Amino acid sequence: MARSFEDLAQVVAIRSAVYMAEQNCPYAEEFDGNDLSGTHLIGYIGDEPAGCLRIRYFADFAKVERLAVRKEFRKTKLAFHLVRAGVELCRKKGYRRIYGHAREDLLKFWQVFGARPIPG
């Protein structure tokens, strides 16, 4: 879990590499002003920060978002570990509903965790 400025800098570096550099996501879309109100999980491969996940909490649901794994670490199980840890954290906090947004080509990944599309 990100607990320091250095940890948050690692999250920003990972997301910048994945979303801005690889996917050409605009800065204002990726860094939306919600980073200081969320919880960030950081995944490491050895000592290297390799992936991250943001969770935001609302009255009766949590939102899992901004999952990013650096390209050179995508053949690992890191994305699965980050999501499992995020879901477990939400459950420990008492949340029973967890939402997120996903690209259509990633639906099968999220279905592994029990996610299902909401019509409309």
PDB file of N, CA and C in Angstrom:
ATOM      1  N   MET A   1       0.847  -1.175   0.000  1.00  0.00           N
ATOM      2  CA  MET A   1       0.000   0.000   0.000  1.00  0.00           C
ATOM      3  C   MET A   1       0.894   1.241   0.000  1.00  0.00           C
ATOM      4  N   ALA A   2       0.536   2.202  -0.828  1.00  0.00           N
ATOM      5  CA  ALA A   2       1.309   3.446  -0.881  1.00  0.00           C
ATOM      6  C   ALA A   2       1.103   4.205   0.417  1.00  0.00           C
ATOM      7  N   ARG A   3       2.206   4.488   1.105  1.00  0.00           N
ATOM      8  CA  ARG A   3       2.130   5.178   2.395  1.00  0.00           C
ATOM      9  C   ARG A   3       2.994   6.427   2.461  1.00  0.00           C
ATOM     10  N   SER A   4       3.770   6.675   1.419  1.00  0.00           N
ATOM     11  CA  SER A   4       4.680   7.812   1.442  1.00  0.00           C
ATOM     12  C   SER A   4       4.667   8.509   0.088  1.00  0.00           C
ATOM     13  N   PHE A   5       5.309   9.673   0.055  1.00  0.00           N
ATOM     14  CA  PHE A   5       5.425  10.392  -1.206  1.00  0.00           C
ATOM     15  C   PHE A   5       6.195   9.560  -2.225  1.00  0.00           C
ATOM     16  N   GLU A   6       7.237   8.868  -1.777  1.00  0.00           N
ATOM     17  CA  GLU A   6       8.010   8.016  -2.692  1.00  0.00           C
ATOM     18  C   GLU A   6       7.126   6.910  -3.280  1.00  0.00           C
ATOM     19  N   ASP A   7       6.282   6.311  -2.446  1.00  0.00           N
ATOM     20  CA  ASP A   7       5.360   5.290  -2.946  1.00  0.00           C
ATOM     21  C   ASP A   7       4.424   5.875  -4.002  1.00  0.00           C
ATOM     22  N   LEU A   8       3.879   7.044  -3.726  1.00  0.00           N
ATOM     23  CA  LEU A   8       2.968   7.684  -4.684  1.00  0.00           C
ATOM     24  C   LEU A   8       3.704   8.042  -5.977  1.00  0.00           C
ATOM     25  N   ALA A   9       4.980   8.426  -5.867  1.00  0.00           N
ATOM     26  CA  ALA A   9       5.777   8.714  -7.058  1.00  0.00           C
ATOM     27  C   ALA A   9       5.945   7.448  -7.911  1.00  0.00           C
ATOM     28  N   GLN A  10       6.074   6.299  -7.275  1.00  0.00           N
ATOM     29  CA  GLN A  10       6.168   5.041  -8.018  1.00  0.00           C
ATOM     30  C   GLN A  10       4.866   4.762  -8.764  1.00  0.00           C
ATOM     31  N   VAL A  11       3.738   5.013  -8.100  1.00  0.00           N
ATOM     32  CA  VAL A  11       2.432   4.839  -8.743  1.00  0.00           C
ATOM     33  C   VAL A  11       2.326   5.746  -9.967  1.00  0.00           C
ATOM     34  N   VAL A  12       2.695   6.995  -9.822  1.00  0.00           N
ATOM     35  CA  VAL A  12       2.624   7.950 -10.937  1.00  0.00           C
ATOM     36  C   VAL A  12       3.533   7.492 -12.080  1.00  0.00           C
ATOM     37  N   ALA A  13       4.713   7.005 -11.746  1.00  0.00           N
ATOM     38  CA  ALA A  13       5.635   6.544 -12.787  1.00  0.00           C
ATOM     39  C   ALA A  13       5.065   5.347 -13.544  1.00  0.00           C
ATOM     40  N   ILE A  14       4.491   4.398 -12.822  1.00  0.00           N
ATOM     41  CA  ILE A  14       3.914   3.215 -13.468  1.00  0.00           C
ATOM     42  C   ILE A  14       2.755   3.618 -14.379  1.00  0.00           C
ATOM     43  N   ARG A  15       1.837   4.398 -13.849  1.00  0.00           N
ATOM     44  CA  ARG A  15       0.674   4.790 -14.647  1.00  0.00           C
ATOM     45  C   ARG A  15       1.067   5.663 -15.830  1.00  0.00           C
ATOM     46  N   SER A  16       2.055   6.522 -15.659  1.00  0.00           N
ATOM     47  CA  SER A  16       2.525   7.336 -16.779  1.00  0.00           C
ATOM     48  C   SER A  16       3.097   6.459 -17.886  1.00  0.00           C
ATOM     49  N   ALA A  17       3.885   5.451 -17.502  1.00  0.00           N
ATOM     50  CA  ALA A  17       4.477   4.548 -18.494  1.00  0.00           C
ATOM     51  C   ALA A  17       3.404   3.764 -19.237  1.00  0.00           C
ATOM     52  N   VAL A  18       2.408   3.272 -18.504  1.00  0.00           N
ATOM     53  CA  VAL A  18       1.392   2.418 -19.112  1.00  0.00           C
ATOM     54  C   VAL A  18       0.356   3.234 -19.880  1.00  0.00           C
ATOM     55  N   TYR A  19      -0.276   4.172 -19.198  1.00  0.00           N
ATOM     56  CA  TYR A  19      -1.404   4.864 -19.819  1.00  0.00           C
ATOM     57  C   TYR A  19      -0.988   6.004 -20.740  1.00  0.00           C
ATOM     58  N   MET A  20      -0.073   6.835 -20.304  1.00  0.00           N
ATOM     59  CA  MET A  20       0.293   7.982 -21.128  1.00  0.00           C
ATOM     60  C   MET A  20       1.243   7.580 -22.261  1.00  0.00           C
ATOM     61  N   ALA A  21       2.315   6.837 -21.939  1.00  0.00           N
ATOM     62  CA  ALA A  21       3.305   6.497 -22.960  1.00  0.00           C
ATOM     63  C   ALA A  21       2.804   5.421 -23.919  1.00  0.00           C
ATOM     64  N   GLU A  22       2.245   4.337 -23.388  1.00  0.00           N
ATOM     65  CA  GLU A  22       1.818   3.236 -24.250  1.00  0.00           C
ATOM     66  C   GLU A  22       0.470   3.477 -24.922  1.00  0.00           C
ATOM     67  N   GLN A  23      -0.488   4.004 -24.159  1.00  0.00           N
ATOM     68  CA  GLN A  23      -1.858   4.100 -24.664  1.00  0.00           C
ATOM     69  C   GLN A  23      -2.259   5.517 -25.074  1.00  0.00           C
ATOM     70  N   ASN A  24      -1.308   6.441 -25.051  1.00  0.00           N
ATOM     71  CA  ASN A  24      -1.550   7.826 -25.459  1.00  0.00           C
ATOM     72  C   ASN A  24      -2.724   8.478 -24.720  1.00  0.00           C
ATOM     73  N   CYS A  25      -2.893   8.131 -23.475  1.00  0.00           N
ATOM     74  CA  CYS A  25      -3.946   8.724 -22.643  1.00  0.00           C
ATOM     75  C   CYS A  25      -3.511  10.132 -22.236  1.00  0.00           C
ATOM     76  N   PRO A  26      -4.361  11.119 -22.388  1.00  0.00           N
ATOM     77  CA  PRO A  26      -3.999  12.480 -21.985  1.00  0.00           C
ATOM     78  C   PRO A  26      -3.767  12.570 -20.476  1.00  0.00           C
ATOM     79  N   TYR A  27      -2.842  13.411 -20.087  1.00  0.00           N
ATOM     80  CA  TYR A  27      -2.516  13.606 -18.666  1.00  0.00           C
ATOM     81  C   TYR A  27      -3.762  13.913 -17.844  1.00  0.00           C
ATOM     82  N   ALA A  28      -4.582  14.843 -18.307  1.00  0.00           N
ATOM     83  CA  ALA A  28      -5.756  15.275 -17.534  1.00  0.00           C
ATOM     84  C   ALA A  28      -6.775  14.158 -17.361  1.00  0.00           C
ATOM     85  N   GLU A  29      -6.760  13.193 -18.247  1.00  0.00           N
ATOM     86  CA  GLU A  29      -7.678  12.054 -18.111  1.00  0.00           C
ATOM     87  C   GLU A  29      -7.119  11.027 -17.132  1.00  0.00           C
ATOM     88  N   GLU A  30      -5.824  10.803 -17.191  1.00  0.00           N
ATOM     89  CA  GLU A  30      -5.207   9.803 -16.312  1.00  0.00           C
ATOM     90  C   GLU A  30      -5.091  10.297 -14.872  1.00  0.00           C
ATOM     91  N   PHE A  31      -4.686  11.523 -14.698  1.00  0.00           N
ATOM     92  CA  PHE A  31      -4.523  12.086 -13.352  1.00  0.00           C
ATOM     93  C   PHE A  31      -5.677  13.056 -13.132  1.00  0.00           C
ATOM     94  N   ASP A  32      -6.738  12.504 -12.585  1.00  0.00           N
ATOM     95  CA  ASP A  32      -8.041  13.163 -12.543  1.00  0.00           C
ATOM     96  C   ASP A  32      -8.338  13.904 -11.243  1.00  0.00           C
ATOM     97  N   GLY A  33      -7.357  14.048 -10.382  1.00  0.00           N
ATOM     98  CA  GLY A  33      -7.581  14.757  -9.128  1.00  0.00           C
ATOM     99  C   GLY A  33      -8.051  13.871  -7.990  1.00  0.00           C
ATOM    100  N   ASN A  34      -8.209  12.583  -8.221  1.00  0.00           N
ATOM    101  CA  ASN A  34      -8.698  11.665  -7.187  1.00  0.00           C
ATOM    102  C   ASN A  34      -7.592  10.837  -6.534  1.00  0.00           C
ATOM    103  N   ASP A  35      -6.366  11.070  -6.901  1.00  0.00           N
ATOM    104  CA  ASP A  35      -5.289  10.226  -6.380  1.00  0.00           C
ATOM    105  C   ASP A  35      -5.010  10.412  -4.892  1.00  0.00           C
ATOM    106  N   LEU A  36      -5.261  11.590  -4.369  1.00  0.00           N
ATOM    107  CA  LEU A  36      -5.008  11.797  -2.938  1.00  0.00           C
ATOM    108  C   LEU A  36      -6.173  11.334  -2.067  1.00  0.00           C
ATOM    109  N   SER A  37      -7.296  10.982  -2.690  1.00  0.00           N
ATOM    110  CA  SER A  37      -8.431  10.484  -1.916  1.00  0.00           C
ATOM    111  C   SER A  37      -8.584   8.967  -2.048  1.00  0.00           C
ATOM    112  N   GLY A  38      -7.715   8.330  -2.788  1.00  0.00           N
ATOM    113  CA  GLY A  38      -7.802   6.888  -2.987  1.00  0.00           C
ATOM    114  C   GLY A  38      -6.700   6.150  -2.255  1.00  0.00           C
ATOM    115  N   THR A  39      -6.831   4.852  -2.236  1.00  0.00           N
ATOM    116  CA  THR A  39      -5.795   3.961  -1.721  1.00  0.00           C
ATOM    117  C   THR A  39      -5.091   3.362  -2.929  1.00  0.00           C
ATOM    118  N   HIS A  40      -3.777   3.332  -2.889  1.00  0.00           N
ATOM    119  CA  HIS A  40      -2.995   2.793  -3.994  1.00  0.00           C
ATOM    120  C   HIS A  40      -2.239   1.561  -3.528  1.00  0.00           C
ATOM    121  N   LEU A  41      -2.357   0.488  -4.280  1.00  0.00           N
ATOM    122  CA  LEU A  41      -1.560  -0.703  -4.034  1.00  0.00           C
ATOM    123  C   LEU A  41      -0.448  -0.734  -5.062  1.00  0.00           C
ATOM    124  N   ILE A  42       0.732  -1.132  -4.628  1.00  0.00           N
ATOM    125  CA  ILE A  42       1.887  -1.232  -5.519  1.00  0.00           C
ATOM    126  C   ILE A  42       2.358  -2.680  -5.504  1.00  0.00           C
ATOM    127  N   GLY A  43       2.580  -3.223  -6.699  1.00  0.00           N
ATOM    128  CA  GLY A  43       3.118  -4.571  -6.817  1.00  0.00           C
ATOM    129  C   GLY A  43       4.556  -4.511  -7.305  1.00  0.00           C
ATOM    130  N   TYR A  44       5.369  -5.355  -6.737  1.00  0.00           N
ATOM    131  CA  TYR A  44       6.795  -5.383  -7.071  1.00  0.00           C
ATOM    132  C   TYR A  44       7.171  -6.723  -7.675  1.00  0.00           C
ATOM    133  N   ILE A  45       8.111  -6.679  -8.593  1.00  0.00           N
ATOM    134  CA  ILE A  45       8.796  -7.868  -9.071  1.00  0.00           C
ATOM    135  C   ILE A  45      10.230  -7.676  -8.614  1.00  0.00           C
ATOM    136  N   GLY A  46      10.634  -8.448  -7.634  1.00  0.00           N
ATOM    137  CA  GLY A  46      11.905  -8.188  -6.962  1.00  0.00           C
ATOM    138  C   GLY A  46      11.786  -6.861  -6.244  1.00  0.00           C
ATOM    139  N   ASP A  47      12.725  -5.972  -6.474  1.00  0.00           N
ATOM    140  CA  ASP A  47      12.686  -4.641  -5.861  1.00  0.00           C
ATOM    141  C   ASP A  47      12.089  -3.593  -6.799  1.00  0.00           C
ATOM    142  N   GLU A  48      11.646  -4.011  -7.970  1.00  0.00           N
ATOM    143  CA  GLU A  48      11.187  -3.070  -8.989  1.00  0.00           C
ATOM    144  C   GLU A  48       9.672  -2.844  -8.906  1.00  0.00           C
ATOM    145  N   PRO A  49       9.231  -1.572  -8.791  1.00  0.00           N
ATOM    146  CA  PRO A  49       7.796  -1.301  -8.831  1.00  0.00           C
ATOM    147  C   PRO A  49       7.267  -1.627 -10.230  1.00  0.00           C
ATOM    148  N   ALA A  50       6.369  -2.604 -10.294  1.00  0.00           N
ATOM    149  CA  ALA A  50       5.967  -3.136 -11.595  1.00  0.00           C
ATOM    150  C   ALA A  50       4.502  -2.905 -11.923  1.00  0.00           C
ATOM    151  N   GLY A  51       3.668  -2.663 -10.915  1.00  0.00           N
ATOM    152  CA  GLY A  51       2.250  -2.479 -11.178  1.00  0.00           C
ATOM    153  C   GLY A  51       1.568  -1.765 -10.030  1.00  0.00           C
ATOM    154  N   CYS A  52       0.357  -1.278 -10.289  1.00  0.00           N
ATOM    155  CA  CYS A  52      -0.377  -0.560  -9.253  1.00  0.00           C
ATOM    156  C   CYS A  52      -1.878  -0.652  -9.505  1.00  0.00           C
ATOM    157  N   LEU A  53      -2.630  -0.306  -8.487  1.00  0.00           N
ATOM    158  CA  LEU A  53      -4.081  -0.323  -8.533  1.00  0.00           C
ATOM    159  C   LEU A  53      -4.591   0.750  -7.584  1.00  0.00           C
ATOM    160  N   ARG A  54      -5.605   1.505  -8.011  1.00  0.00           N
ATOM    161  CA  ARG A  54      -6.208   2.521  -7.149  1.00  0.00           C
ATOM    162  C   ARG A  54      -7.590   2.040  -6.719  1.00  0.00           C
ATOM    163  N   ILE A  55      -7.932   2.327  -5.470  1.00  0.00           N
ATOM    164  CA  ILE A  55      -9.256   2.016  -4.937  1.00  0.00           C
ATOM    165  C   ILE A  55      -9.804   3.291  -4.318  1.00  0.00           C
ATOM    166  N   ARG A  56     -11.063   3.589  -4.651  1.00  0.00           N
ATOM    167  CA  ARG A  56     -11.752   4.701  -3.990  1.00  0.00           C
ATOM    168  C   ARG A  56     -12.980   4.144  -3.298  1.00  0.00           C
ATOM    169  N   TYR A  57     -13.305   4.755  -2.171  1.00  0.00           N
ATOM    170  CA  TYR A  57     -14.398   4.281  -1.334  1.00  0.00           C
ATOM    171  C   TYR A  57     -15.537   5.297  -1.327  1.00  0.00           C
ATOM    172  N   PHE A  58     -16.738   4.787  -1.475  1.00  0.00           N
ATOM    173  CA  PHE A  58     -17.939   5.607  -1.468  1.00  0.00           C
ATOM    174  C   PHE A  58     -18.860   5.075  -0.370  1.00  0.00           C
ATOM    175  N   ALA A  59     -20.040   5.665  -0.215  1.00  0.00           N
ATOM    176  CA  ALA A  59     -20.936   5.294   0.876  1.00  0.00           C
ATOM    177  C   ALA A  59     -21.229   3.793   0.906  1.00  0.00           C
ATOM    178  N   ASP A  60     -21.698   3.235  -0.196  1.00  0.00           N
ATOM    179  CA  ASP A  60     -22.088   1.830  -0.168  1.00  0.00           C
ATOM    180  C   ASP A  60     -21.393   0.971  -1.221  1.00  0.00           C
ATOM    181  N   PHE A  61     -20.310   1.477  -1.795  1.00  0.00           N
ATOM    182  CA  PHE A  61     -19.531   0.673  -2.732  1.00  0.00           C
ATOM    183  C   PHE A  61     -18.102   1.196  -2.789  1.00  0.00           C
ATOM    184  N   ALA A  62     -17.229   0.346  -3.297  1.00  0.00           N
ATOM    185  CA  ALA A  62     -15.844   0.724  -3.567  1.00  0.00           C
ATOM    186  C   ALA A  62     -15.632   0.632  -5.072  1.00  0.00           C
ATOM    187  N   LYS A  63     -14.692   1.383  -5.573  1.00  0.00           N
ATOM    188  CA  LYS A  63     -14.394   1.374  -7.006  1.00  0.00           C
ATOM    189  C   LYS A  63     -12.920   1.023  -7.194  1.00  0.00           C
ATOM    190  N   VAL A  64     -12.683  -0.072  -7.887  1.00  0.00           N
ATOM    191  CA  VAL A  64     -11.336  -0.530  -8.209  1.00  0.00           C
ATOM    192  C   VAL A  64     -11.016   0.016  -9.588  1.00  0.00           C
ATOM    193  N   GLU A  65      -9.889   0.716  -9.690  1.00  0.00           N
ATOM    194  CA  GLU A  65      -9.590   1.400 -10.949  1.00  0.00           C
ATOM    195  C   GLU A  65      -8.097   1.605 -11.132  1.00  0.00           C
ATOM    196  N   ARG A  66      -7.745   2.034 -12.317  1.00  0.00           N
ATOM    197  CA  ARG A  66      -6.368   2.405 -12.668  1.00  0.00           C
ATOM    198  C   ARG A  66      -5.378   1.257 -12.467  1.00  0.00           C
ATOM    199  N   LEU A  67      -5.818   0.035 -12.772  1.00  0.00           N
ATOM    200  CA  LEU A  67      -4.891  -1.099 -12.741  1.00  0.00           C
ATOM    201  C   LEU A  67      -3.881  -0.909 -13.865  1.00  0.00           C
ATOM    202  N   ALA A  68      -2.617  -0.956 -13.528  1.00  0.00           N
ATOM    203  CA  ALA A  68      -1.563  -0.791 -14.535  1.00  0.00           C
ATOM    204  C   ALA A  68      -0.397  -1.708 -14.190  1.00  0.00           C
ATOM    205  N   VAL A  69       0.092  -2.422 -15.186  1.00  0.00           N
ATOM    206  CA  VAL A  69       1.290  -3.250 -15.033  1.00  0.00           C
ATOM    207  C   VAL A  69       2.232  -2.880 -16.168  1.00  0.00           C
ATOM    208  N   ARG A  70       3.455  -2.571 -15.804  1.00  0.00           N
ATOM    209  CA  ARG A  70       4.445  -2.206 -16.824  1.00  0.00           C
ATOM    210  C   ARG A  70       4.609  -3.332 -17.839  1.00  0.00           C
ATOM    211  N   LYS A  71       4.842  -2.937 -19.069  1.00  0.00           N
ATOM    212  CA  LYS A  71       4.878  -3.870 -20.200  1.00  0.00           C
ATOM    213  C   LYS A  71       5.814  -5.054 -19.955  1.00  0.00           C
ATOM    214  N   GLU A  72       6.973  -4.788 -19.409  1.00  0.00           N
ATOM    215  CA  GLU A  72       7.960  -5.856 -19.236  1.00  0.00           C
ATOM    216  C   GLU A  72       7.579  -6.868 -18.158  1.00  0.00           C
ATOM    217  N   PHE A  73       6.499  -6.594 -17.408  1.00  0.00           N
ATOM    218  CA  PHE A  73       6.070  -7.498 -16.341  1.00  0.00           C
ATOM    219  C   PHE A  73       4.690  -8.104 -16.599  1.00  0.00           C
ATOM    220  N   ARG A  74       4.161  -7.947 -17.790  1.00  0.00           N
ATOM    221  CA  ARG A  74       2.794  -8.405 -18.061  1.00  0.00           C
ATOM    222  C   ARG A  74       2.649  -9.912 -18.171  1.00  0.00           C
ATOM    223  N   LYS A  75       3.726 -10.631 -18.346  1.00  0.00           N
ATOM    224  CA  LYS A  75       3.623 -12.090 -18.418  1.00  0.00           C
ATOM    225  C   LYS A  75       3.632 -12.714 -17.020  1.00  0.00           C
ATOM    226  N   THR A  76       3.732 -11.900 -15.992  1.00  0.00           N
ATOM    227  CA  THR A  76       3.679 -12.394 -14.617  1.00  0.00           C
ATOM    228  C   THR A  76       2.216 -12.430 -14.164  1.00  0.00           C
ATOM    229  N   LYS A  77       1.995 -12.873 -12.966  1.00  0.00           N
ATOM    230  CA  LYS A  77       0.649 -12.915 -12.373  1.00  0.00           C
ATOM    231  C   LYS A  77       0.371 -11.662 -11.538  1.00  0.00           C
ATOM    232  N   LEU A  78       1.180 -10.620 -11.708  1.00  0.00           N
ATOM    233  CA  LEU A  78       1.065  -9.435 -10.875  1.00  0.00           C
ATOM    234  C   LEU A  78      -0.315  -8.795 -10.936  1.00  0.00           C
ATOM    235  N   ALA A  79      -0.902  -8.675 -12.113  1.00  0.00           N
ATOM    236  CA  ALA A  79      -2.232  -8.059 -12.226  1.00  0.00           C
ATOM    237  C   ALA A  79      -3.246  -8.833 -11.386  1.00  0.00           C
ATOM    238  N   PHE A  80      -3.170 -10.155 -11.416  1.00  0.00           N
ATOM    239  CA  PHE A  80      -4.087 -10.982 -10.617  1.00  0.00           C
ATOM    240  C   PHE A  80      -3.870 -10.744  -9.121  1.00  0.00           C
ATOM    241  N   HIS A  81      -2.610 -10.681  -8.710  1.00  0.00           N
ATOM    242  CA  HIS A  81      -2.304 -10.447  -7.288  1.00  0.00           C
ATOM    243  C   HIS A  81      -2.801  -9.075  -6.832  1.00  0.00           C
ATOM    244  N   LEU A  82      -2.617  -8.060  -7.661  1.00  0.00           N
ATOM    245  CA  LEU A  82      -3.079  -6.720  -7.293  1.00  0.00           C
ATOM    246  C   LEU A  82      -4.596  -6.669  -7.142  1.00  0.00           C
ATOM    247  N   VAL A  83      -5.315  -7.264  -8.087  1.00  0.00           N
ATOM    248  CA  VAL A  83      -6.778  -7.240  -8.011  1.00  0.00           C
ATOM    249  C   VAL A  83      -7.251  -8.044  -6.808  1.00  0.00           C
ATOM    250  N   ARG A  84      -6.687  -9.212  -6.585  1.00  0.00           N
ATOM    251  CA  ARG A  84      -7.090 -10.011  -5.414  1.00  0.00           C
ATOM    252  C   ARG A  84      -6.840  -9.247  -4.120  1.00  0.00           C
ATOM    253  N   ALA A  85      -5.703  -8.594  -4.016  1.00  0.00           N
ATOM    254  CA  ALA A  85      -5.397  -7.806  -2.820  1.00  0.00           C
ATOM    255  C   ALA A  85      -6.361  -6.643  -2.674  1.00  0.00           C
ATOM    256  N   GLY A  86      -6.706  -5.999  -3.785  1.00  0.00           N
ATOM    257  CA  GLY A  86      -7.651  -4.891  -3.747  1.00  0.00           C
ATOM    258  C   GLY A  86      -9.040  -5.331  -3.313  1.00  0.00           C
ATOM    259  N   VAL A  87      -9.512  -6.436  -3.857  1.00  0.00           N
ATOM    260  CA  VAL A  87     -10.830  -6.966  -3.479  1.00  0.00           C
ATOM    261  C   VAL A  87     -10.832  -7.355  -2.006  1.00  0.00           C
ATOM    262  N   GLU A  88      -9.778  -7.996  -1.557  1.00  0.00           N
ATOM    263  CA  GLU A  88      -9.688  -8.391  -0.146  1.00  0.00           C
ATOM    264  C   GLU A  88      -9.687  -7.170   0.773  1.00  0.00           C
ATOM    265  N   LEU A  89      -8.980  -6.136   0.395  1.00  0.00           N
ATOM    266  CA  LEU A  89      -8.964  -4.909   1.197  1.00  0.00           C
ATOM    267  C   LEU A  89     -10.363  -4.308   1.288  1.00  0.00           C
ATOM    268  N   CYS A  90     -11.068  -4.273   0.167  1.00  0.00           N
ATOM    269  CA  CYS A  90     -12.447  -3.756   0.158  1.00  0.00           C
ATOM    270  C   CYS A  90     -13.331  -4.590   1.080  1.00  0.00           C
ATOM    271  N   ARG A  91     -13.190  -5.889   1.029  1.00  0.00           N
ATOM    272  CA  ARG A  91     -13.996  -6.765   1.890  1.00  0.00           C
ATOM    273  C   ARG A  91     -13.685  -6.541   3.366  1.00  0.00           C
ATOM    274  N   LYS A  92     -12.402  -6.393   3.684  1.00  0.00           N
ATOM    275  CA  LYS A  92     -12.012  -6.133   5.080  1.00  0.00           C
ATOM    276  C   LYS A  92     -12.612  -4.835   5.587  1.00  0.00           C
ATOM    277  N   LYS A  93     -12.798  -3.877   4.698  1.00  0.00           N
ATOM    278  CA  LYS A  93     -13.393  -2.599   5.078  1.00  0.00           C
ATOM    279  C   LYS A  93     -14.921  -2.669   5.117  1.00  0.00           C
ATOM    280  N   GLY A  94     -15.478  -3.835   4.780  1.00  0.00           N
ATOM    281  CA  GLY A  94     -16.913  -4.025   4.863  1.00  0.00           C
ATOM    282  C   GLY A  94     -17.686  -3.796   3.581  1.00  0.00           C
ATOM    283  N   TYR A  95     -17.012  -3.540   2.481  1.00  0.00           N
ATOM    284  CA  TYR A  95     -17.714  -3.312   1.211  1.00  0.00           C
ATOM    285  C   TYR A  95     -18.127  -4.636   0.585  1.00  0.00           C
ATOM    286  N   ARG A  96     -19.350  -4.678   0.128  1.00  0.00           N
ATOM    287  CA  ARG A  96     -19.880  -5.872  -0.530  1.00  0.00           C
ATOM    288  C   ARG A  96     -20.109  -5.622  -2.021  1.00  0.00           C
ATOM    289  N   ARG A  97     -20.139  -4.355  -2.416  1.00  0.00           N
ATOM    290  CA  ARG A  97     -20.270  -4.018  -3.840  1.00  0.00           C
ATOM    291  C   ARG A  97     -19.000  -3.308  -4.285  1.00  0.00           C
ATOM    292  N   ILE A  98     -18.430  -3.812  -5.368  1.00  0.00           N
ATOM    293  CA  ILE A  98     -17.218  -3.231  -5.940  1.00  0.00           C
ATOM    294  C   ILE A  98     -17.480  -3.002  -7.424  1.00  0.00           C
ATOM    295  N   TYR A  99     -17.221  -1.801  -7.862  1.00  0.00           N
ATOM    296  CA  TYR A  99     -17.415  -1.439  -9.267  1.00  0.00           C
ATOM    297  C   TYR A  99     -16.075  -1.095  -9.903  1.00  0.00           C
ATOM    298  N   GLY A 100     -16.084  -1.030 -11.217  1.00  0.00           N
ATOM    299  CA  GLY A 100     -14.915  -0.610 -11.969  1.00  0.00           C
ATOM    300  C   GLY A 100     -15.307  -0.387 -13.416  1.00  0.00           C
ATOM    301  N   HIS A 101     -14.397   0.166 -14.174  1.00  0.00           N
ATOM    302  CA  HIS A 101     -14.566   0.321 -15.614  1.00  0.00           C
ATOM    303  C   HIS A 101     -13.496  -0.534 -16.277  1.00  0.00           C
ATOM    304  N   ALA A 102     -13.854  -1.123 -17.399  1.00  0.00           N
ATOM    305  CA  ALA A 102     -12.876  -1.943 -18.115  1.00  0.00           C
ATOM    306  C   ALA A 102     -13.092  -1.806 -19.613  1.00  0.00           C
ATOM    307  N   ARG A 103     -12.004  -1.888 -20.324  1.00  0.00           N
ATOM    308  CA  ARG A 103     -12.118  -1.960 -21.772  1.00  0.00           C
ATOM    309  C   ARG A 103     -12.769  -3.296 -22.128  1.00  0.00           C
ATOM    310  N   GLU A 104     -13.495  -3.302 -23.225  1.00  0.00           N
ATOM    311  CA  GLU A 104     -14.207  -4.519 -23.628  1.00  0.00           C
ATOM    312  C   GLU A 104     -13.265  -5.704 -23.810  1.00  0.00           C
ATOM    313  N   ASP A 105     -12.055  -5.450 -24.327  1.00  0.00           N
ATOM    314  CA  ASP A 105     -11.113  -6.549 -24.548  1.00  0.00           C
ATOM    315  C   ASP A 105     -10.530  -7.109 -23.254  1.00  0.00           C
ATOM    316  N   LEU A 106     -10.806  -6.476 -22.116  1.00  0.00           N
ATOM    317  CA  LEU A 106     -10.307  -6.956 -20.825  1.00  0.00           C
ATOM    318  C   LEU A 106     -11.408  -7.571 -19.960  1.00  0.00           C
ATOM    319  N   LEU A 107     -12.603  -7.709 -20.500  1.00  0.00           N
ATOM    320  CA  LEU A 107     -13.714  -8.254 -19.709  1.00  0.00           C
ATOM    321  C   LEU A 107     -13.423  -9.653 -19.182  1.00  0.00           C
ATOM    322  N   LYS A 108     -12.805 -10.495 -19.980  1.00  0.00           N
ATOM    323  CA  LYS A 108     -12.514 -11.867 -19.522  1.00  0.00           C
ATOM    324  C   LYS A 108     -11.574 -11.857 -18.321  1.00  0.00           C
ATOM    325  N   PHE A 109     -10.618 -10.951 -18.309  1.00  0.00           N
ATOM    326  CA  PHE A 109      -9.734 -10.832 -17.151  1.00  0.00           C
ATOM    327  C   PHE A 109     -10.542 -10.530 -15.898  1.00  0.00           C
ATOM    328  N   TRP A 110     -11.418  -9.544 -15.978  1.00  0.00           N
ATOM    329  CA  TRP A 110     -12.198  -9.133 -14.805  1.00  0.00           C
ATOM    330  C   TRP A 110     -13.230 -10.182 -14.417  1.00  0.00           C
ATOM    331  N   GLN A 111     -13.699 -10.975 -15.354  1.00  0.00           N
ATOM    332  CA  GLN A 111     -14.665 -12.024 -15.032  1.00  0.00           C
ATOM    333  C   GLN A 111     -14.053 -13.110 -14.161  1.00  0.00           C
ATOM    334  N   VAL A 112     -12.739 -13.258 -14.207  1.00  0.00           N
ATOM    335  CA  VAL A 112     -12.051 -14.201 -13.317  1.00  0.00           C
ATOM    336  C   VAL A 112     -12.352 -13.878 -11.854  1.00  0.00           C
ATOM    337  N   PHE A 113     -12.589 -12.616 -11.560  1.00  0.00           N
ATOM    338  CA  PHE A 113     -12.852 -12.162 -10.196  1.00  0.00           C
ATOM    339  C   PHE A 113     -14.344 -12.026  -9.891  1.00  0.00           C
ATOM    340  N   GLY A 114     -15.170 -12.506 -10.810  1.00  0.00           N
ATOM    341  CA  GLY A 114     -16.602 -12.454 -10.599  1.00  0.00           C
ATOM    342  C   GLY A 114     -17.279 -11.212 -11.161  1.00  0.00           C
ATOM    343  N   ALA A 115     -16.530 -10.383 -11.843  1.00  0.00           N
ATOM    344  CA  ALA A 115     -17.106  -9.164 -12.413  1.00  0.00           C
ATOM    345  C   ALA A 115     -18.031  -9.516 -13.567  1.00  0.00           C
ATOM    346  N   ARG A 116     -19.044  -8.685 -13.756  1.00  0.00           N
ATOM    347  CA  ARG A 116     -19.940  -8.851 -14.888  1.00  0.00           C
ATOM    348  C   ARG A 116     -20.343  -7.465 -15.381  1.00  0.00           C
ATOM    349  N   PRO A 117     -20.543  -7.346 -16.688  1.00  0.00           N
ATOM    350  CA  PRO A 117     -20.919  -6.050 -17.241  1.00  0.00           C
ATOM    351  C   PRO A 117     -22.302  -5.627 -16.757  1.00  0.00           C
ATOM    352  N   ILE A 118     -22.464  -4.342 -16.573  1.00  0.00           N
ATOM    353  CA  ILE A 118     -23.766  -3.766 -16.228  1.00  0.00           C
ATOM    354  C   ILE A 118     -24.336  -3.206 -17.532  1.00  0.00           C
ATOM    355  N   PRO A 119     -25.509  -3.678 -17.933  1.00  0.00           N
ATOM    356  CA  PRO A 119     -26.081  -3.179 -19.191  1.00  0.00           C
ATOM    357  C   PRO A 119     -26.230  -1.649 -19.186  1.00  0.00           C
ATOM    358  N   GLY A 120     -25.910  -1.067 -20.347  1.00  0.00           N
ATOM    359  CA  GLY A 120     -26.070   0.376 -20.509  1.00  0.00           C
ATOM    360  C   GLY A 120     -24.921   1.141 -19.953  1.00  0.00           C
TER     361      GLY A 120
END
